[in-house]
Each structure stands twice: as structure tokens, then as C-alpha cells.
Amino acid sequence: MNTDFLTRFDPLAGTVVGYPVVERRLSQLAGVFADTAVYRQTLAQSDPLIYSVASVTLAEGDGQLHYGVGKIMPGRIGQEYFMTRGHLHEWREAAEIYIGLSGSGLMLLEDEKTGESKVLELGVNTAVYVPAFTAHRTINIGDTPLTYIGIYPARAGHDYGALAEQNFRQVVIAQDGKPVLLDRQTFRLDQS
């Protein structure tokens, strides 16, 4: 167990002093973007950094908390904004809270039981509560990096596999300069 319970983070860089940053490039996000043709075209030309996360695990066990500082770069793949892979928690009962530090973004939430989706603002001085049994994805809709902190139970874990199989039912795209929530299947058919 780490006994140094003080950490320092840079809210603009999305880093935590003394903790590694894990980067996710476009090539590591196959299946995330709904417009697969534009995904492949973009990847053939470059492999941009989409997001990074520095995770802090100071203590393990029931009742302990972990946190991560995330940074999503500005940009789009076709009409889709740069976003995280998104995940459910392995321990489905785990909730999470996201606190916006810089930039302008959204949180896409999808109830695992009902399939109901909603989009909530995540920006400077905002907090988004992610309930239990809820898949969540963070999306940068601005022109500057979006940074945030996510705080979750130590035993929450990350289940990326469930979303890799079916992904989110909804997608956020840029339409007339504004973010719009659409059904993923409808959007994919429109791109064909």
C-alpha cells in the first residue's frame, strides 16, 4: 500500500506527478467510431493521439478510492468527435464521478439494463455522476483539450469487453456545428 496520500496533478496537461500516462491512439480504438470507412481512411493517413489517462491507485480494498486524470484531444473522425473507448465497471454496482477541469465535453451514459442513453455536459467546474450499471464514454466537443478527473471505488475495475461486442447504442456527432445525439445504427446507415 502506498503511504504517500498526497498527489499533485496538472489540470491542463492531464498528468499526475509520479504516475505514468497511458496514451490511446486511433489505431487502438478499432470499433469505437461508427463511421468505419472514415476511421480506416484517417488511420491510413495518420495515427493521432486521441486521449490519455494517468491513473492513481493509492490503496486497495473495500471502501478505498482510485482516480484518474484524463485528457481528450480536440478533433473528429468524420462527424464523430474524439472520445474515449468507454466502459462499464467490472463490479457493476460501482458508481463514478467525473469533474471537469478544462475544455468542453460531454458524457454519454447508457443504462446497461434498459438501454436508455443520455448526454450530460462535462466542462470546467461541472461534475457528472455515473450511476451503477451504466456504461460511460467521455467526448471532447471543443477546440481545446478536455481534461477531467474520474473518481471511482478501488474494486470497480474496467469492463471494455462488453462494449467491444456491441458498442453504445447512441453516437454523438457534429451537425451544423453542434453536437447531436443519434441512434448508432441510423447514423451508420446514413454513412453507407
Protein backbone atom coordinates (compact mmCIF):
# COMPACT_ATOMS: atom_id res chain seq x y z
CA MET A 1 0.00 0.00 0.00
CA ASN A 2 1.27 3.46 -0.89
CA THR A 3 1.56 5.58 2.26
CA ASP A 4 2.02 8.89 0.44
CA PHE A 5 -1.62 10.01 0.20
CA LEU A 6 -0.86 13.38 -1.39
CA THR A 7 -0.65 13.60 -5.18
CA ARG A 8 -0.26 16.59 -7.44
CA PHE A 9 -1.83 16.85 -10.86
CA ASP A 10 -1.69 19.28 -13.74
CA PRO A 11 -5.27 20.09 -14.79
CA LEU A 12 -4.24 21.30 -18.26
CA ALA A 13 -1.68 18.63 -19.12
CA GLY A 14 -3.84 15.81 -17.73
CA THR A 15 -0.92 14.35 -15.78
CA VAL A 16 -0.23 13.29 -12.19
CA VAL A 17 3.28 13.74 -10.80
CA GLY A 18 4.93 10.35 -10.37
CA TYR A 19 2.27 8.32 -12.23
CA PRO A 20 2.53 7.02 -15.79
CA VAL A 21 0.29 8.31 -18.55
CA VAL A 22 -1.35 5.72 -20.79
CA GLU A 23 -1.98 7.03 -24.30
CA ARG A 24 -4.66 5.81 -26.69
CA ARG A 25 -4.11 6.42 -30.39
CA LEU A 26 -6.64 5.99 -33.17
CA SER A 27 -5.19 2.58 -34.10
CA GLN A 28 -6.10 1.32 -30.60
CA LEU A 29 -9.76 2.33 -30.96
CA ALA A 30 -10.99 -0.01 -33.69
CA GLY A 31 -14.76 -0.41 -33.44
CA VAL A 32 -15.27 2.72 -31.33
CA PHE A 33 -16.14 5.09 -34.17
CA ALA A 34 -19.36 4.27 -36.00
CA ASP A 35 -18.18 5.51 -39.41
CA THR A 36 -15.73 2.70 -40.11
CA ALA A 37 -14.90 3.93 -43.62
CA VAL A 38 -13.72 7.34 -42.36
CA TYR A 39 -11.93 5.60 -39.47
CA ARG A 40 -9.92 3.47 -41.92
CA GLN A 41 -9.22 6.46 -44.23
CA THR A 42 -7.93 8.56 -41.33
CA LEU A 43 -5.82 5.73 -39.96
CA ALA A 44 -4.25 5.18 -43.41
CA GLN A 45 -3.02 8.80 -43.29
CA SER A 46 -2.05 9.15 -39.61
CA ASP A 47 -2.43 7.68 -36.15
CA PRO A 48 -3.33 10.68 -33.97
CA LEU A 49 -3.33 10.68 -30.19
CA ILE A 50 -6.99 10.63 -29.15
CA TYR A 51 -6.73 10.57 -25.35
CA SER A 52 -4.55 9.80 -22.35
CA VAL A 53 -5.16 8.83 -18.72
CA ALA A 54 -2.96 8.91 -15.62
CA SER A 55 -4.38 6.51 -13.01
CA VAL A 56 -3.73 6.81 -9.28
CA THR A 57 -4.13 3.76 -7.05
CA LEU A 58 -3.07 4.62 -3.52
CA ALA A 59 -4.87 1.86 -1.61
CA GLU A 60 -6.78 -1.35 -2.36
CA GLY A 61 -9.77 -2.86 -0.63
CA ASP A 62 -13.42 -2.21 0.11
CA GLY A 63 -14.06 1.43 0.87
CA GLN A 64 -10.93 2.71 -0.89
CA LEU A 65 -10.99 5.04 -3.91
CA HIS A 66 -8.95 5.33 -7.09
CA TYR A 67 -8.87 8.22 -9.51
CA GLY A 68 -7.69 9.04 -12.98
CA VAL A 69 -6.90 12.29 -14.74
CA GLY A 70 -7.94 12.13 -18.37
CA LYS A 71 -7.17 14.31 -21.35
CA ILE A 72 -9.00 14.06 -24.68
CA MET A 73 -7.56 15.91 -27.63
CA PRO A 74 -9.78 18.07 -29.85
CA GLY A 75 -10.67 16.65 -33.24
CA ARG A 76 -13.08 14.50 -35.19
CA ILE A 77 -13.16 11.32 -37.21
CA GLY A 78 -15.63 12.34 -39.90
CA GLN A 79 -18.58 13.77 -37.95
CA GLU A 80 -17.69 11.99 -34.70
CA TYR A 81 -15.79 13.86 -32.01
CA PHE A 82 -12.67 12.41 -30.40
CA MET A 83 -13.77 10.29 -27.44
CA THR A 84 -12.69 7.61 -25.01
CA ARG A 85 -13.30 3.93 -25.61
CA GLY A 86 -15.89 3.99 -22.83
CA HIS A 87 -16.53 1.22 -20.34
CA LEU A 88 -18.72 -0.45 -17.80
CA HIS A 89 -17.35 -1.35 -14.40
CA GLU A 90 -16.49 -4.99 -13.75
CA TRP A 91 -18.20 -4.55 -10.39
CA ARG A 92 -21.43 -3.26 -11.91
CA GLU A 93 -22.65 -1.75 -8.62
CA ALA A 94 -19.80 0.79 -8.72
CA ALA A 95 -20.68 4.41 -9.41
CA GLU A 96 -18.20 7.07 -10.53
CA ILE A 97 -17.97 10.84 -10.53
CA TYR A 98 -16.29 12.94 -13.22
CA ILE A 99 -15.17 16.51 -12.55
CA GLY A 100 -14.38 18.78 -15.50
CA LEU A 101 -11.09 20.68 -15.28
CA SER A 102 -10.64 22.31 -18.70
CA GLY A 103 -12.22 22.32 -22.14
CA SER A 104 -15.71 21.46 -23.30
CA GLY A 105 -17.13 17.96 -23.40
CA LEU A 106 -19.97 15.57 -22.92
CA MET A 107 -20.53 12.31 -21.08
CA LEU A 108 -22.52 9.67 -22.94
CA LEU A 109 -24.26 7.42 -20.41
CA GLU A 110 -26.10 4.21 -21.26
CA ASP A 111 -28.07 2.18 -18.72
CA GLU A 112 -26.98 -1.44 -19.14
CA LYS A 113 -30.37 -2.81 -18.06
CA THR A 114 -32.75 -0.57 -20.04
CA GLY A 115 -30.51 0.62 -22.88
CA GLU A 116 -31.62 4.20 -22.19
CA SER A 117 -29.00 6.79 -23.17
CA LYS A 118 -28.39 10.36 -22.10
CA VAL A 119 -25.77 13.00 -22.73
CA LEU A 120 -24.59 15.35 -19.99
CA GLU A 121 -22.29 18.36 -20.17
CA LEU A 122 -18.75 17.91 -18.82
CA GLY A 123 -16.84 21.17 -18.71
CA VAL A 124 -14.95 23.42 -16.36
CA ASN A 125 -16.44 23.32 -12.85
CA THR A 126 -19.02 20.64 -13.65
CA ALA A 127 -19.46 17.21 -12.09
CA VAL A 128 -21.21 14.25 -13.71
CA TYR A 129 -22.42 11.36 -11.56
CA VAL A 130 -22.30 7.99 -13.33
CA PRO A 131 -24.68 5.56 -11.59
CA ALA A 132 -24.16 1.83 -11.14
CA PHE A 133 -24.83 -0.42 -14.15
CA THR A 134 -24.07 2.46 -16.54
CA ALA A 135 -21.68 2.44 -19.49
CA HIS A 136 -19.94 5.78 -19.90
CA ARG A 137 -17.86 7.49 -22.55
CA THR A 138 -16.25 10.94 -22.46
CA ILE A 139 -16.34 13.12 -25.60
CA ASN A 140 -14.43 16.31 -26.43
CA ILE A 141 -16.72 18.68 -28.37
CA GLY A 142 -14.42 21.72 -28.16
CA ASP A 143 -11.39 23.15 -29.90
CA THR A 144 -9.01 22.64 -26.97
CA PRO A 145 -8.11 19.56 -24.90
CA LEU A 146 -10.76 18.35 -22.45
CA THR A 147 -9.33 17.37 -19.06
CA TYR A 148 -11.17 15.83 -16.13
CA ILE A 149 -10.84 13.68 -13.03
CA GLY A 150 -12.76 10.43 -12.62
CA ILE A 151 -13.11 9.07 -9.06
CA TYR A 152 -14.31 5.50 -8.51
CA PRO A 153 -14.24 2.65 -5.97
CA ALA A 154 -10.97 0.72 -5.91
CA ARG A 155 -12.74 -2.54 -6.75
CA ALA A 156 -14.73 -1.08 -9.68
CA GLY A 157 -12.48 -2.39 -12.45
CA HIS A 158 -13.00 -1.65 -16.14
CA ASP A 159 -15.00 -3.89 -18.47
CA TYR A 160 -14.16 -2.90 -22.04
CA GLY A 161 -15.19 -6.26 -23.49
CA ALA A 162 -18.97 -5.78 -23.19
CA LEU A 163 -18.80 -2.58 -25.24
CA ALA A 164 -16.34 -4.03 -27.74
CA GLU A 165 -19.02 -6.56 -28.66
CA GLN A 166 -21.96 -4.18 -29.14
CA ASN A 167 -20.70 -0.61 -28.51
CA PHE A 168 -23.00 2.20 -27.39
CA ARG A 169 -26.46 2.35 -28.98
CA GLN A 170 -26.14 6.10 -29.48
CA VAL A 171 -23.44 8.23 -31.07
CA VAL A 172 -22.66 11.95 -30.70
CA ILE A 173 -21.84 13.68 -33.98
CA ALA A 174 -21.20 17.23 -35.15
CA GLN A 175 -24.15 18.53 -37.14
CA ASP A 176 -24.39 22.19 -38.18
CA GLY A 177 -21.55 22.96 -35.77
CA LYS A 178 -23.29 21.46 -32.73
CA PRO A 179 -23.21 18.06 -31.01
CA VAL A 180 -26.24 15.88 -31.77
CA LEU A 181 -27.18 12.50 -30.25
CA LEU A 182 -28.26 9.93 -32.85
CA ASP A 183 -29.04 6.24 -32.94
CA ARG A 184 -25.80 4.46 -33.93
CA GLN A 185 -27.49 2.17 -36.46
CA THR A 186 -29.31 5.05 -38.17
CA PHE A 187 -26.09 7.06 -38.36
CA ARG A 188 -24.19 4.11 -39.86
CA LEU A 189 -26.89 3.57 -42.49
CA ASP A 190 -26.70 7.27 -43.40
CA GLN A 191 -22.93 6.91 -43.93
CA SER A 192 -23.27 3.93 -46.30
